[in-house]
Amino acid sequence: MTEPLDLIIIGAGPAGLSAAYAAAQEGLNYLVIEKGTIADTIRQYPVGRTLFSTPNELEMFEGALKPCREKPTREELLSHYIHFVLDNDLKFNDGEAVVDVEKLTEGFLIRTTKTEYHAARILFAIGAMAHPRRLNIPGEDLPKVHHLFVEPYAYIRKDALVVGGGNSAAEAALFLSEEGARTTLAIWREDWENRDPKAGAMKHWVRTPLDREVAAGRLHVVLYKEVTVITERDVTLTTEDGETLTIPNDVVFVLIGSDADLTLLKKIGVKTEAGKLTEMPIYDPGTFETNVSGIYVAGHFTHARHIKAAIDVPRRIVPLIAQSLSQKMSSQ
């Protein structure tokens, strides 16, 4: 076991990196532990993808992110976060997964795939992409079914189905159609007809070219009720009118959202509740401390879901953590 730490930060996404910077500024003995790589969720975005947000919503400091166009690409944003770590000499271990957390009389014991740590406080900044949501239908485990879209180039002149109603599904359908796949987008009517950005409508820079692909006959939209079965050669679904439709198919992308892995939080006694889209930890809205004293949460799996909030919140709560540690030391 290494020397006791003031703070362990689990996750090296924007929230975790922001927390690390704040911890360094507060003079805390801290460490970031990441099972994947820096900004691992963003690294899994489609290659060359332009982000939906503008630089001021994504950058670690105002004016620090300078993309070539109005919005940064996946690669530009990854580089921004990596250089934030390098330029500030932040302490992190990547490729190391936390497998268990145990509450002790004083602090916590954190076991990873590589070693053990003792820390007075833990901040979970784990993101919300651990468990892609599933249709739970026959055939979903076939090799041709994917819950992550990376690039369209392997599917030229192949029959592709995208299931989902958000920006990620719409963008995948657009990319596939533009690059020569015979693409069908299965979407609920309420999502297809939604034009309100505040209600989660597709971003206009995705919707406009998507509509052009539909008008040109290159992209087929099915307003569906449910997908019922996937086979090696086709997919059967029920339309909103109750019609059974079987379409030829070579590849399926099920892009209906994902959920955070709350296993460790629950194991140590953190209470959860049903959120608007998924289960979420319960925490103090001012301090982001859970019902388990010393356990904090931040990032996309909390109610502060946007990346800007994920960056801003740790810079408010880490000084509170430092203050609580200082008060504890002075009372001993």
C-alpha atoms as a PDB file:
ATOM      1  CA  MET A   1       0.000   0.000   0.000  1.00  0.00           C
ATOM      2  CA  THR A   2       1.234   3.498  -0.835  1.00  0.00           C
ATOM      3  CA  GLU A   3       1.342   6.394   1.614  1.00  0.00           C
ATOM      4  CA  PRO A   4      -2.079   7.675   2.761  1.00  0.00           C
ATOM      5  CA  LEU A   5      -3.673  10.189   0.399  1.00  0.00           C
ATOM      6  CA  ASP A   6      -5.976  13.088   1.095  1.00  0.00           C
ATOM      7  CA  LEU A   7      -8.077  12.463  -1.986  1.00  0.00           C
ATOM      8  CA  ILE A   8      -8.532   9.697  -4.548  1.00  0.00           C
ATOM      9  CA  ILE A   9     -10.283  10.803  -7.750  1.00  0.00           C
ATOM     10  CA  ILE A  10     -11.809   7.966  -9.753  1.00  0.00           C
ATOM     11  CA  GLY A  11     -12.063   8.885 -13.426  1.00  0.00           C
ATOM     12  CA  ALA A  12      -9.892  11.033 -15.715  1.00  0.00           C
ATOM     13  CA  GLY A  13     -12.591  12.737 -17.739  1.00  0.00           C
ATOM     14  CA  PRO A  14     -13.202  16.506 -17.617  1.00  0.00           C
ATOM     15  CA  ALA A  15     -14.628  16.292 -14.060  1.00  0.00           C
ATOM     16  CA  GLY A  16     -11.758  14.197 -12.749  1.00  0.00           C
ATOM     17  CA  LEU A  17      -9.097  16.355 -14.386  1.00  0.00           C
ATOM     18  CA  SER A  18     -10.715  19.527 -13.073  1.00  0.00           C
ATOM     19  CA  ALA A  19     -10.811  17.991  -9.597  1.00  0.00           C
ATOM     20  CA  ALA A  20      -7.125  17.050  -9.862  1.00  0.00           C
ATOM     21  CA  TYR A  21      -6.191  20.614 -10.765  1.00  0.00           C
ATOM     22  CA  ALA A  22      -8.230  21.974  -7.851  1.00  0.00           C
ATOM     23  CA  ALA A  23      -6.650  19.439  -5.499  1.00  0.00           C
ATOM     24  CA  ALA A  24      -3.184  20.503  -6.605  1.00  0.00           C
ATOM     25  CA  GLN A  25      -4.097  24.160  -6.050  1.00  0.00           C
ATOM     26  CA  GLU A  26      -5.292  23.291  -2.532  1.00  0.00           C
ATOM     27  CA  GLY A  27      -2.053  21.467  -1.767  1.00  0.00           C
ATOM     28  CA  LEU A  28      -3.769  18.107  -1.294  1.00  0.00           C
ATOM     29  CA  ASN A  29      -1.978  14.805  -1.636  1.00  0.00           C
ATOM     30  CA  TYR A  30      -4.176  13.363  -4.387  1.00  0.00           C
ATOM     31  CA  LEU A  31      -4.196  10.817  -7.208  1.00  0.00           C
ATOM     32  CA  VAL A  32      -6.451  10.260 -10.216  1.00  0.00           C
ATOM     33  CA  ILE A  33      -7.155   6.620 -11.092  1.00  0.00           C
ATOM     34  CA  GLU A  34      -8.538   5.826 -14.560  1.00  0.00           C
ATOM     35  CA  LYS A  35      -9.321   2.359 -15.905  1.00  0.00           C
ATOM     36  CA  GLY A  36      -8.937   3.530 -19.513  1.00  0.00           C
ATOM     37  CA  THR A  37      -7.159   6.618 -20.815  1.00  0.00           C
ATOM     38  CA  ILE A  38      -7.431  10.351 -20.268  1.00  0.00           C
ATOM     39  CA  ALA A  39     -10.881  11.510 -21.449  1.00  0.00           C
ATOM     40  CA  ASP A  40     -11.690   7.911 -22.324  1.00  0.00           C
ATOM     41  CA  THR A  41     -15.345   8.594 -23.151  1.00  0.00           C
ATOM     42  CA  ILE A  42     -14.385  11.253 -25.683  1.00  0.00           C
ATOM     43  CA  ARG A  43     -11.765   8.936 -27.152  1.00  0.00           C
ATOM     44  CA  GLN A  44     -14.599   6.524 -27.975  1.00  0.00           C
ATOM     45  CA  TYR A  45     -16.434   9.137 -30.060  1.00  0.00           C
ATOM     46  CA  PRO A  46     -16.451   8.603 -33.850  1.00  0.00           C
ATOM     47  CA  VAL A  47     -13.102   9.402 -35.455  1.00  0.00           C
ATOM     48  CA  GLY A  48     -13.044  12.986 -36.745  1.00  0.00           C
ATOM     49  CA  ARG A  49     -16.342  13.839 -35.115  1.00  0.00           C
ATOM     50  CA  THR A  50     -17.145  17.513 -34.553  1.00  0.00           C
ATOM     51  CA  LEU A  51     -18.432  18.037 -31.026  1.00  0.00           C
ATOM     52  CA  PHE A  52     -21.921  19.372 -30.381  1.00  0.00           C
ATOM     53  CA  SER A  53     -20.644  22.063 -27.982  1.00  0.00           C
ATOM     54  CA  THR A  54     -18.613  25.235 -28.496  1.00  0.00           C
ATOM     55  CA  PRO A  55     -15.132  25.713 -26.958  1.00  0.00           C
ATOM     56  CA  ASN A  56     -16.382  27.784 -24.003  1.00  0.00           C
ATOM     57  CA  GLU A  57     -18.475  24.809 -22.880  1.00  0.00           C
ATOM     58  CA  LEU A  58     -15.622  22.289 -23.096  1.00  0.00           C
ATOM     59  CA  GLU A  59     -12.352  24.036 -22.268  1.00  0.00           C
ATOM     60  CA  MET A  60     -10.590  23.738 -18.934  1.00  0.00           C
ATOM     61  CA  PHE A  61      -9.882  27.470 -18.864  1.00  0.00           C
ATOM     62  CA  GLU A  62     -11.391  30.346 -20.830  1.00  0.00           C
ATOM     63  CA  GLY A  63      -9.706  30.769 -24.188  1.00  0.00           C
ATOM     64  CA  ALA A  64      -7.511  27.681 -23.823  1.00  0.00           C
ATOM     65  CA  LEU A  65      -9.221  25.573 -26.489  1.00  0.00           C
ATOM     66  CA  LYS A  66      -8.610  26.984 -29.979  1.00  0.00           C
ATOM     67  CA  PRO A  67     -10.192  24.757 -32.643  1.00  0.00           C
ATOM     68  CA  CYS A  68      -9.749  25.363 -36.352  1.00  0.00           C
ATOM     69  CA  ARG A  69     -13.518  25.823 -36.769  1.00  0.00           C
ATOM     70  CA  GLU A  70     -16.433  26.974 -34.631  1.00  0.00           C
ATOM     71  CA  LYS A  71     -16.593  23.667 -32.736  1.00  0.00           C
ATOM     72  CA  PRO A  72     -13.692  21.358 -31.895  1.00  0.00           C
ATOM     73  CA  THR A  73     -13.222  17.883 -33.271  1.00  0.00           C
ATOM     74  CA  ARG A  74     -12.775  14.803 -31.136  1.00  0.00           C
ATOM     75  CA  GLU A  75      -9.030  14.968 -31.747  1.00  0.00           C
ATOM     76  CA  GLU A  76      -8.716  18.666 -30.872  1.00  0.00           C
ATOM     77  CA  LEU A  77     -10.576  18.162 -27.604  1.00  0.00           C
ATOM     78  CA  LEU A  78      -8.556  15.085 -26.663  1.00  0.00           C
ATOM     79  CA  SER A  79      -5.345  17.003 -27.255  1.00  0.00           C
ATOM     80  CA  HIS A  80      -6.666  19.875 -25.130  1.00  0.00           C
ATOM     81  CA  TYR A  81      -7.352  17.614 -22.146  1.00  0.00           C
ATOM     82  CA  ILE A  82      -4.081  15.691 -22.490  1.00  0.00           C
ATOM     83  CA  HIS A  83      -2.022  18.881 -22.574  1.00  0.00           C
ATOM     84  CA  PHE A  84      -3.948  20.199 -19.578  1.00  0.00           C
ATOM     85  CA  VAL A  85      -2.647  17.156 -17.678  1.00  0.00           C
ATOM     86  CA  LEU A  86       0.895  17.560 -19.007  1.00  0.00           C
ATOM     87  CA  ASP A  87       1.131  21.336 -18.590  1.00  0.00           C
ATOM     88  CA  ASN A  88      -0.087  21.163 -14.980  1.00  0.00           C
ATOM     89  CA  ASP A  89       1.832  17.969 -14.148  1.00  0.00           C
ATOM     90  CA  LEU A  90      -1.317  16.335 -12.753  1.00  0.00           C
ATOM     91  CA  LYS A  91      -0.872  13.023 -10.943  1.00  0.00           C
ATOM     92  CA  PHE A  92      -2.773  10.158 -12.547  1.00  0.00           C
ATOM     93  CA  ASN A  93      -2.584   6.427 -13.164  1.00  0.00           C
ATOM     94  CA  ASP A  94      -4.328   5.200 -16.302  1.00  0.00           C
ATOM     95  CA  GLY A  95      -4.993   1.602 -17.244  1.00  0.00           C
ATOM     96  CA  GLU A  96      -5.817   0.907 -13.588  1.00  0.00           C
ATOM     97  CA  ALA A  97      -9.345  -0.026 -12.549  1.00  0.00           C
ATOM     98  CA  VAL A  98     -10.797   0.377  -9.063  1.00  0.00           C
ATOM     99  CA  VAL A  99     -12.279  -2.979  -8.073  1.00  0.00           C
ATOM    100  CA  ASP A 100     -13.295  -2.388  -4.452  1.00  0.00           C
ATOM    101  CA  VAL A 101     -13.755   0.386  -1.908  1.00  0.00           C
ATOM    102  CA  GLU A 102     -13.950  -0.318   1.822  1.00  0.00           C
ATOM    103  CA  LYS A 103     -14.880   2.213   4.491  1.00  0.00           C
ATOM    104  CA  LEU A 104     -12.479   2.130   7.423  1.00  0.00           C
ATOM    105  CA  THR A 105     -12.619   3.740  10.845  1.00  0.00           C
ATOM    106  CA  GLU A 106     -10.491   6.485   9.344  1.00  0.00           C
ATOM    107  CA  GLY A 107     -10.898   7.015   5.607  1.00  0.00           C
ATOM    108  CA  PHE A 108     -11.181   4.393   2.895  1.00  0.00           C
ATOM    109  CA  LEU A 109      -9.254   1.464   1.476  1.00  0.00           C
ATOM    110  CA  ILE A 110      -9.256   1.481  -2.338  1.00  0.00           C
ATOM    111  CA  ARG A 111      -8.262  -1.712  -4.150  1.00  0.00           C
ATOM    112  CA  THR A 112      -7.348  -1.575  -7.820  1.00  0.00           C
ATOM    113  CA  THR A 113      -6.162  -4.032 -10.429  1.00  0.00           C
ATOM    114  CA  LYS A 114      -2.599  -3.054  -9.513  1.00  0.00           C
ATOM    115  CA  THR A 115      -2.351  -2.101  -5.826  1.00  0.00           C
ATOM    116  CA  GLU A 116      -4.136  -0.682  -2.768  1.00  0.00           C
ATOM    117  CA  TYR A 117      -4.508   2.894  -1.550  1.00  0.00           C
ATOM    118  CA  HIS A 118      -5.677   4.543   1.636  1.00  0.00           C
ATOM    119  CA  ALA A 119      -7.444   7.881   1.236  1.00  0.00           C
ATOM    120  CA  ALA A 120      -9.309  10.225   3.540  1.00  0.00           C
ATOM    121  CA  ARG A 121     -11.780  11.234   0.832  1.00  0.00           C
ATOM    122  CA  ILE A 122     -12.937   9.825  -2.519  1.00  0.00           C
ATOM    123  CA  LEU A 123     -14.432  11.707  -5.463  1.00  0.00           C
ATOM    124  CA  PHE A 124     -16.221   9.532  -8.006  1.00  0.00           C
ATOM    125  CA  ALA A 125     -16.030  11.176 -11.451  1.00  0.00           C
ATOM    126  CA  ILE A 126     -16.792   8.034 -13.433  1.00  0.00           C
ATOM    127  CA  GLY A 127     -18.903   9.314 -16.303  1.00  0.00           C
ATOM    128  CA  ALA A 128     -22.064   7.669 -17.608  1.00  0.00           C
ATOM    129  CA  MET A 129     -20.957   5.441 -20.483  1.00  0.00           C
ATOM    130  CA  ALA A 130     -20.107   2.203 -18.677  1.00  0.00           C
ATOM    131  CA  HIS A 131     -23.267   0.284 -19.563  1.00  0.00           C
ATOM    132  CA  PRO A 132     -24.828   0.897 -23.002  1.00  0.00           C
ATOM    133  CA  ARG A 133     -28.587   0.404 -22.841  1.00  0.00           C
ATOM    134  CA  ARG A 134     -29.874  -2.657 -24.633  1.00  0.00           C
ATOM    135  CA  LEU A 135     -33.017  -3.614 -26.500  1.00  0.00           C
ATOM    136  CA  ASN A 136     -32.983  -7.003 -24.747  1.00  0.00           C
ATOM    137  CA  ILE A 137     -34.262  -8.864 -27.780  1.00  0.00           C
ATOM    138  CA  PRO A 138     -33.245 -12.084 -29.560  1.00  0.00           C
ATOM    139  CA  GLY A 139     -30.174 -11.581 -31.727  1.00  0.00           C
ATOM    140  CA  GLU A 140     -28.775  -8.550 -29.914  1.00  0.00           C
ATOM    141  CA  ASP A 141     -25.627 -10.505 -29.068  1.00  0.00           C
ATOM    142  CA  LEU A 142     -24.816 -11.255 -32.711  1.00  0.00           C
ATOM    143  CA  PRO A 143     -21.392  -9.957 -33.843  1.00  0.00           C
ATOM    144  CA  LYS A 144     -23.047  -7.578 -36.298  1.00  0.00           C
ATOM    145  CA  VAL A 145     -24.780  -5.644 -33.474  1.00  0.00           C
ATOM    146  CA  HIS A 146     -22.863  -2.725 -31.954  1.00  0.00           C
ATOM    147  CA  HIS A 147     -23.651  -0.341 -29.086  1.00  0.00           C
ATOM    148  CA  LEU A 148     -20.918   2.107 -30.072  1.00  0.00           C
ATOM    149  CA  PHE A 149     -20.427   3.837 -33.429  1.00  0.00           C
ATOM    150  CA  VAL A 150     -16.864   4.670 -34.480  1.00  0.00           C
ATOM    151  CA  GLU A 151     -16.801   5.124 -38.267  1.00  0.00           C
ATOM    152  CA  PRO A 152     -18.894   4.287 -41.354  1.00  0.00           C
ATOM    153  CA  TYR A 153     -16.255   3.126 -43.828  1.00  0.00           C
ATOM    154  CA  ALA A 154     -16.643  -0.624 -43.341  1.00  0.00           C
ATOM    155  CA  TYR A 155     -20.298  -0.542 -44.434  1.00  0.00           C
ATOM    156  CA  ILE A 156     -20.270   0.801 -48.010  1.00  0.00           C
ATOM    157  CA  ARG A 157     -23.185  -0.719 -49.976  1.00  0.00           C
ATOM    158  CA  LYS A 158     -24.256  -2.688 -46.917  1.00  0.00           C
ATOM    159  CA  ASP A 159     -27.665  -2.584 -45.207  1.00  0.00           C
ATOM    160  CA  ALA A 160     -27.273  -0.672 -41.935  1.00  0.00           C
ATOM    161  CA  LEU A 161     -29.868  -0.059 -39.226  1.00  0.00           C
ATOM    162  CA  VAL A 162     -29.459   2.600 -36.542  1.00  0.00           C
ATOM    163  CA  VAL A 163     -31.841   2.463 -33.573  1.00  0.00           C
ATOM    164  CA  GLY A 164     -32.168   5.580 -31.424  1.00  0.00           C
ATOM    165  CA  GLY A 165     -33.482   9.110 -31.260  1.00  0.00           C
ATOM    166  CA  GLY A 166     -30.678  11.284 -29.904  1.00  0.00           C
ATOM    167  CA  ASN A 167     -27.855  13.181 -31.551  1.00  0.00           C
ATOM    168  CA  SER A 168     -25.495  10.210 -31.489  1.00  0.00           C
ATOM    169  CA  ALA A 169     -27.950   7.949 -33.338  1.00  0.00           C
ATOM    170  CA  ALA A 170     -28.866  10.667 -35.835  1.00  0.00           C
ATOM    171  CA  GLU A 171     -25.205  11.442 -36.470  1.00  0.00           C
ATOM    172  CA  ALA A 172     -24.355   7.764 -36.985  1.00  0.00           C
ATOM    173  CA  ALA A 173     -27.209   7.417 -39.484  1.00  0.00           C
ATOM    174  CA  LEU A 174     -26.036  10.550 -41.276  1.00  0.00           C
ATOM    175  CA  PHE A 175     -22.406   9.391 -41.500  1.00  0.00           C
ATOM    176  CA  LEU A 176     -23.421   5.928 -42.728  1.00  0.00           C
ATOM    177  CA  SER A 177     -25.754   7.334 -45.363  1.00  0.00           C
ATOM    178  CA  GLU A 178     -23.259   9.929 -46.593  1.00  0.00           C
ATOM    179  CA  GLU A 179     -20.540   7.296 -46.947  1.00  0.00           C
ATOM    180  CA  GLY A 180     -22.523   4.836 -49.029  1.00  0.00           C
ATOM    181  CA  ALA A 181     -24.325   2.513 -46.626  1.00  0.00           C
ATOM    182  CA  ARG A 182     -27.978   1.669 -47.347  1.00  0.00           C
ATOM    183  CA  THR A 183     -29.145   3.147 -44.075  1.00  0.00           C
ATOM    184  CA  THR A 184     -32.363   2.950 -42.081  1.00  0.00           C
ATOM    185  CA  LEU A 185     -32.942   5.034 -38.948  1.00  0.00           C
ATOM    186  CA  ALA A 186     -35.500   3.529 -36.559  1.00  0.00           C
ATOM    187  CA  ILE A 187     -36.756   6.334 -34.333  1.00  0.00           C
ATOM    188  CA  TRP A 188     -39.822   7.088 -32.206  1.00  0.00           C
ATOM    189  CA  ARG A 189     -42.182   9.686 -33.668  1.00  0.00           C
ATOM    190  CA  GLU A 190     -41.830  11.958 -30.644  1.00  0.00           C
ATOM    191  CA  ASP A 191     -38.059  12.088 -31.190  1.00  0.00           C
ATOM    192  CA  TRP A 192     -38.330  12.549 -34.963  1.00  0.00           C
ATOM    193  CA  GLU A 193     -40.808  15.406 -34.680  1.00  0.00           C
ATOM    194  CA  ASN A 194     -39.074  17.113 -31.743  1.00  0.00           C
ATOM    195  CA  ARG A 195     -37.642  20.500 -32.739  1.00  0.00           C
ATOM    196  CA  ASP A 196     -37.128  21.944 -29.244  1.00  0.00           C
ATOM    197  CA  PRO A 197     -33.408  22.092 -28.293  1.00  0.00           C
ATOM    198  CA  LYS A 198     -34.376  22.364 -24.621  1.00  0.00           C
ATOM    199  CA  ALA A 199     -36.249  19.061 -24.921  1.00  0.00           C
ATOM    200  CA  GLY A 200     -33.312  17.168 -26.408  1.00  0.00           C
ATOM    201  CA  ALA A 201     -34.035  17.728 -30.102  1.00  0.00           C
ATOM    202  CA  MET A 202     -31.315  16.877 -32.630  1.00  0.00           C
ATOM    203  CA  LYS A 203     -28.809  19.663 -33.123  1.00  0.00           C
ATOM    204  CA  HIS A 204     -29.617  21.644 -36.266  1.00  0.00           C
ATOM    205  CA  TRP A 205     -26.218  20.947 -37.849  1.00  0.00           C
ATOM    206  CA  VAL A 206     -27.092  17.238 -37.660  1.00  0.00           C
ATOM    207  CA  ARG A 207     -30.792  17.542 -38.499  1.00  0.00           C
ATOM    208  CA  THR A 208     -30.391  19.689 -41.615  1.00  0.00           C
ATOM    209  CA  PRO A 209     -28.056  17.344 -43.546  1.00  0.00           C
ATOM    210  CA  LEU A 210     -30.018  14.370 -42.198  1.00  0.00           C
ATOM    211  CA  ASP A 211     -33.191  15.760 -43.764  1.00  0.00           C
ATOM    212  CA  ARG A 212     -31.300  16.234 -47.028  1.00  0.00           C
ATOM    213  CA  GLU A 213     -30.284  12.573 -47.037  1.00  0.00           C
ATOM    214  CA  VAL A 214     -33.926  11.580 -46.454  1.00  0.00           C
ATOM    215  CA  ALA A 215     -35.172  13.879 -49.225  1.00  0.00           C
ATOM    216  CA  ALA A 216     -32.597  12.461 -51.624  1.00  0.00           C
ATOM    217  CA  GLY A 217     -33.800   8.933 -50.883  1.00  0.00           C
ATOM    218  CA  ARG A 218     -30.476   7.777 -49.511  1.00  0.00           C
ATOM    219  CA  LEU A 219     -31.686   7.476 -45.899  1.00  0.00           C
ATOM    220  CA  HIS A 220     -34.870   5.683 -44.876  1.00  0.00           C
ATOM    221  CA  VAL A 221     -36.634   6.647 -41.631  1.00  0.00           C
ATOM    222  CA  VAL A 222     -38.943   4.192 -39.871  1.00  0.00           C
ATOM    223  CA  LEU A 223     -41.134   5.450 -37.062  1.00  0.00           C
ATOM    224  CA  TYR A 224     -41.068   2.364 -34.920  1.00  0.00           C
ATOM    225  CA  LYS A 225     -42.670   1.007 -31.790  1.00  0.00           C
ATOM    226  CA  GLU A 226     -40.187  -1.760 -31.024  1.00  0.00           C
ATOM    227  CA  VAL A 227     -37.487  -3.891 -32.598  1.00  0.00           C
ATOM    228  CA  THR A 228     -38.519  -7.505 -32.076  1.00  0.00           C
ATOM    229  CA  VAL A 229     -35.744  -9.745 -33.425  1.00  0.00           C
ATOM    230  CA  ILE A 230     -32.343  -9.563 -35.126  1.00  0.00           C
ATOM    231  CA  THR A 231     -31.036 -12.385 -37.296  1.00  0.00           C
ATOM    232  CA  GLU A 232     -27.896 -12.838 -39.368  1.00  0.00           C
ATOM    233  CA  ARG A 233     -29.673 -11.614 -42.505  1.00  0.00           C
ATOM    234  CA  ASP A 234     -32.409  -9.213 -41.388  1.00  0.00           C
ATOM    235  CA  VAL A 235     -34.147  -7.273 -38.614  1.00  0.00           C
ATOM    236  CA  THR A 236     -37.836  -7.395 -37.736  1.00  0.00           C
ATOM    237  CA  LEU A 237     -39.535  -4.445 -36.086  1.00  0.00           C
ATOM    238  CA  THR A 238     -43.019  -3.184 -35.383  1.00  0.00           C
ATOM    239  CA  THR A 239     -43.917   0.238 -36.753  1.00  0.00           C
ATOM    240  CA  GLU A 240     -45.924   2.742 -34.770  1.00  0.00           C
ATOM    241  CA  ASP A 241     -48.965   1.682 -36.823  1.00  0.00           C
ATOM    242  CA  GLY A 242     -48.582  -1.906 -35.653  1.00  0.00           C
ATOM    243  CA  GLU A 243     -47.214  -3.181 -38.957  1.00  0.00           C
ATOM    244  CA  THR A 244     -44.560  -5.918 -38.825  1.00  0.00           C
ATOM    245  CA  LEU A 245     -41.626  -4.928 -41.000  1.00  0.00           C
ATOM    246  CA  THR A 246     -38.659  -7.181 -41.849  1.00  0.00           C
ATOM    247  CA  ILE A 247     -35.742  -5.504 -43.586  1.00  0.00           C
ATOM    248  CA  PRO A 248     -32.472  -6.917 -44.982  1.00  0.00           C
ATOM    249  CA  ASN A 249     -29.581  -6.122 -42.698  1.00  0.00           C
ATOM    250  CA  ASP A 250     -25.797  -6.457 -42.423  1.00  0.00           C
ATOM    251  CA  VAL A 251     -25.081  -4.310 -39.360  1.00  0.00           C
ATOM    252  CA  VAL A 252     -27.079  -2.818 -36.467  1.00  0.00           C
ATOM    253  CA  PHE A 253     -26.145   0.111 -34.213  1.00  0.00           C
ATOM    254  CA  VAL A 254     -28.215   0.272 -31.025  1.00  0.00           C
ATOM    255  CA  LEU A 255     -27.602   3.832 -29.782  1.00  0.00           C
ATOM    256  CA  ILE A 256     -30.258   4.402 -27.132  1.00  0.00           C
ATOM    257  CA  GLY A 257     -28.098   5.815 -24.367  1.00  0.00           C
ATOM    258  CA  SER A 258     -25.960   4.415 -21.570  1.00  0.00           C
ATOM    259  CA  ASP A 259     -25.751   4.306 -17.787  1.00  0.00           C
ATOM    260  CA  ALA A 260     -23.022   4.798 -15.202  1.00  0.00           C
ATOM    261  CA  ASP A 261     -21.658   1.886 -13.206  1.00  0.00           C
ATOM    262  CA  LEU A 262     -22.891   2.564  -9.668  1.00  0.00           C
ATOM    263  CA  THR A 263     -21.796  -0.820  -8.299  1.00  0.00           C
ATOM    264  CA  LEU A 264     -19.012   0.465  -6.051  1.00  0.00           C
ATOM    265  CA  LEU A 265     -21.057   3.397  -4.788  1.00  0.00           C
ATOM    266  CA  LYS A 266     -23.916   1.109  -3.825  1.00  0.00           C
ATOM    267  CA  LYS A 267     -21.555  -1.398  -2.211  1.00  0.00           C
ATOM    268  CA  ILE A 268     -20.275   1.178   0.256  1.00  0.00           C
ATOM    269  CA  GLY A 269     -23.802   2.324   1.071  1.00  0.00           C
ATOM    270  CA  VAL A 270     -24.418   5.326  -1.180  1.00  0.00           C
ATOM    271  CA  LYS A 271     -28.147   5.782  -1.746  1.00  0.00           C
ATOM    272  CA  THR A 272     -29.516   6.235  -5.258  1.00  0.00           C
ATOM    273  CA  GLU A 273     -32.723   7.456  -6.857  1.00  0.00           C
ATOM    274  CA  ALA A 274     -34.452   7.284 -10.216  1.00  0.00           C
ATOM    275  CA  GLY A 275     -33.430  10.241 -12.387  1.00  0.00           C
ATOM    276  CA  LYS A 276     -35.125  11.525 -15.519  1.00  0.00           C
ATOM    277  CA  LEU A 277     -33.220   9.069 -17.712  1.00  0.00           C
ATOM    278  CA  THR A 278     -31.398   6.727 -15.360  1.00  0.00           C
ATOM    279  CA  GLU A 279     -30.515   5.838 -11.767  1.00  0.00           C
ATOM    280  CA  MET A 280     -28.390   8.436  -9.990  1.00  0.00           C
ATOM    281  CA  PRO A 281     -26.596   8.796  -6.646  1.00  0.00           C
ATOM    282  CA  ILE A 282     -28.219  10.983  -4.010  1.00  0.00           C
ATOM    283  CA  TYR A 283     -25.959  13.815  -2.864  1.00  0.00           C
ATOM    284  CA  ASP A 284     -25.959  17.212  -1.206  1.00  0.00           C
ATOM    285  CA  PRO A 285     -26.488  19.787  -3.995  1.00  0.00           C
ATOM    286  CA  GLY A 286     -24.122  22.216  -2.313  1.00  0.00           C
ATOM    287  CA  THR A 287     -21.181  19.953  -1.513  1.00  0.00           C
ATOM    288  CA  PHE A 288     -21.886  16.953  -3.812  1.00  0.00           C
ATOM    289  CA  GLU A 289     -21.163  14.709  -0.811  1.00  0.00           C
ATOM    290  CA  THR A 290     -23.258  11.562  -0.643  1.00  0.00           C
ATOM    291  CA  ASN A 291     -24.919  10.064   2.417  1.00  0.00           C
ATOM    292  CA  VAL A 292     -21.634   8.231   3.071  1.00  0.00           C
ATOM    293  CA  SER A 293     -19.394  10.782   4.746  1.00  0.00           C
ATOM    294  CA  GLY A 294     -16.251  11.368   2.700  1.00  0.00           C
ATOM    295  CA  ILE A 295     -17.652  10.076  -0.593  1.00  0.00           C
ATOM    296  CA  TYR A 296     -18.291  12.751  -3.239  1.00  0.00           C
ATOM    297  CA  VAL A 297     -19.611  12.614  -6.807  1.00  0.00           C
ATOM    298  CA  ALA A 298     -19.187  14.837  -9.864  1.00  0.00           C
ATOM    299  CA  GLY A 299     -19.668  14.672 -13.599  1.00  0.00           C
ATOM    300  CA  HIS A 300     -22.061  13.353 -16.196  1.00  0.00           C
ATOM    301  CA  PHE A 301     -23.744  10.761 -13.966  1.00  0.00           C
ATOM    302  CA  THR A 302     -25.012  13.484 -11.579  1.00  0.00           C
ATOM    303  CA  HIS A 303     -27.671  16.122 -12.222  1.00  0.00           C
ATOM    304  CA  ALA A 304     -24.861  18.432 -13.439  1.00  0.00           C
ATOM    305  CA  ARG A 305     -24.677  16.481 -16.709  1.00  0.00           C
ATOM    306  CA  HIS A 306     -23.118  18.967 -19.121  1.00  0.00           C
ATOM    307  CA  ILE A 307     -19.325  18.979 -19.578  1.00  0.00           C
ATOM    308  CA  LYS A 308     -19.121  22.636 -18.498  1.00  0.00           C
ATOM    309  CA  ALA A 309     -20.841  21.768 -15.218  1.00  0.00           C
ATOM    310  CA  ALA A 310     -18.597  18.718 -14.860  1.00  0.00           C
ATOM    311  CA  ILE A 311     -15.593  21.043 -15.089  1.00  0.00           C
ATOM    312  CA  ASP A 312     -16.990  23.778 -12.831  1.00  0.00           C
ATOM    313  CA  VAL A 313     -18.393  21.637  -9.988  1.00  0.00           C
ATOM    314  CA  PRO A 314     -15.081  20.079  -8.810  1.00  0.00           C
ATOM    315  CA  ARG A 315     -13.535  23.534  -8.527  1.00  0.00           C
ATOM    316  CA  ARG A 316     -16.264  24.398  -6.035  1.00  0.00           C
ATOM    317  CA  ILE A 317     -16.302  21.186  -4.029  1.00  0.00           C
ATOM    318  CA  VAL A 318     -12.587  20.289  -3.807  1.00  0.00           C
ATOM    319  CA  PRO A 319     -11.858  23.426  -1.706  1.00  0.00           C
ATOM    320  CA  LEU A 320     -14.678  22.274   0.601  1.00  0.00           C
ATOM    321  CA  ILE A 321     -12.999  18.867   0.849  1.00  0.00           C
ATOM    322  CA  ALA A 322      -9.707  20.548   1.669  1.00  0.00           C
ATOM    323  CA  GLN A 323     -11.448  22.657   4.307  1.00  0.00           C
ATOM    324  CA  SER A 324     -13.042  19.605   5.919  1.00  0.00           C
ATOM    325  CA  LEU A 325      -9.665  17.844   6.059  1.00  0.00           C
ATOM    326  CA  SER A 326      -8.050  20.912   7.609  1.00  0.00           C
ATOM    327  CA  GLN A 327     -10.760  21.169  10.239  1.00  0.00           C
ATOM    328  CA  LYS A 328     -10.371  17.509  11.080  1.00  0.00           C
ATOM    329  CA  MET A 329      -6.611  17.901  11.516  1.00  0.00           C
ATOM    330  CA  SER A 330      -7.004  20.940  13.746  1.00  0.00           C
ATOM    331  CA  SER A 331      -9.535  19.152  15.972  1.00  0.00           C
ATOM    332  CA  GLN A 332      -7.222  16.203  16.599  1.00  0.00           C
END
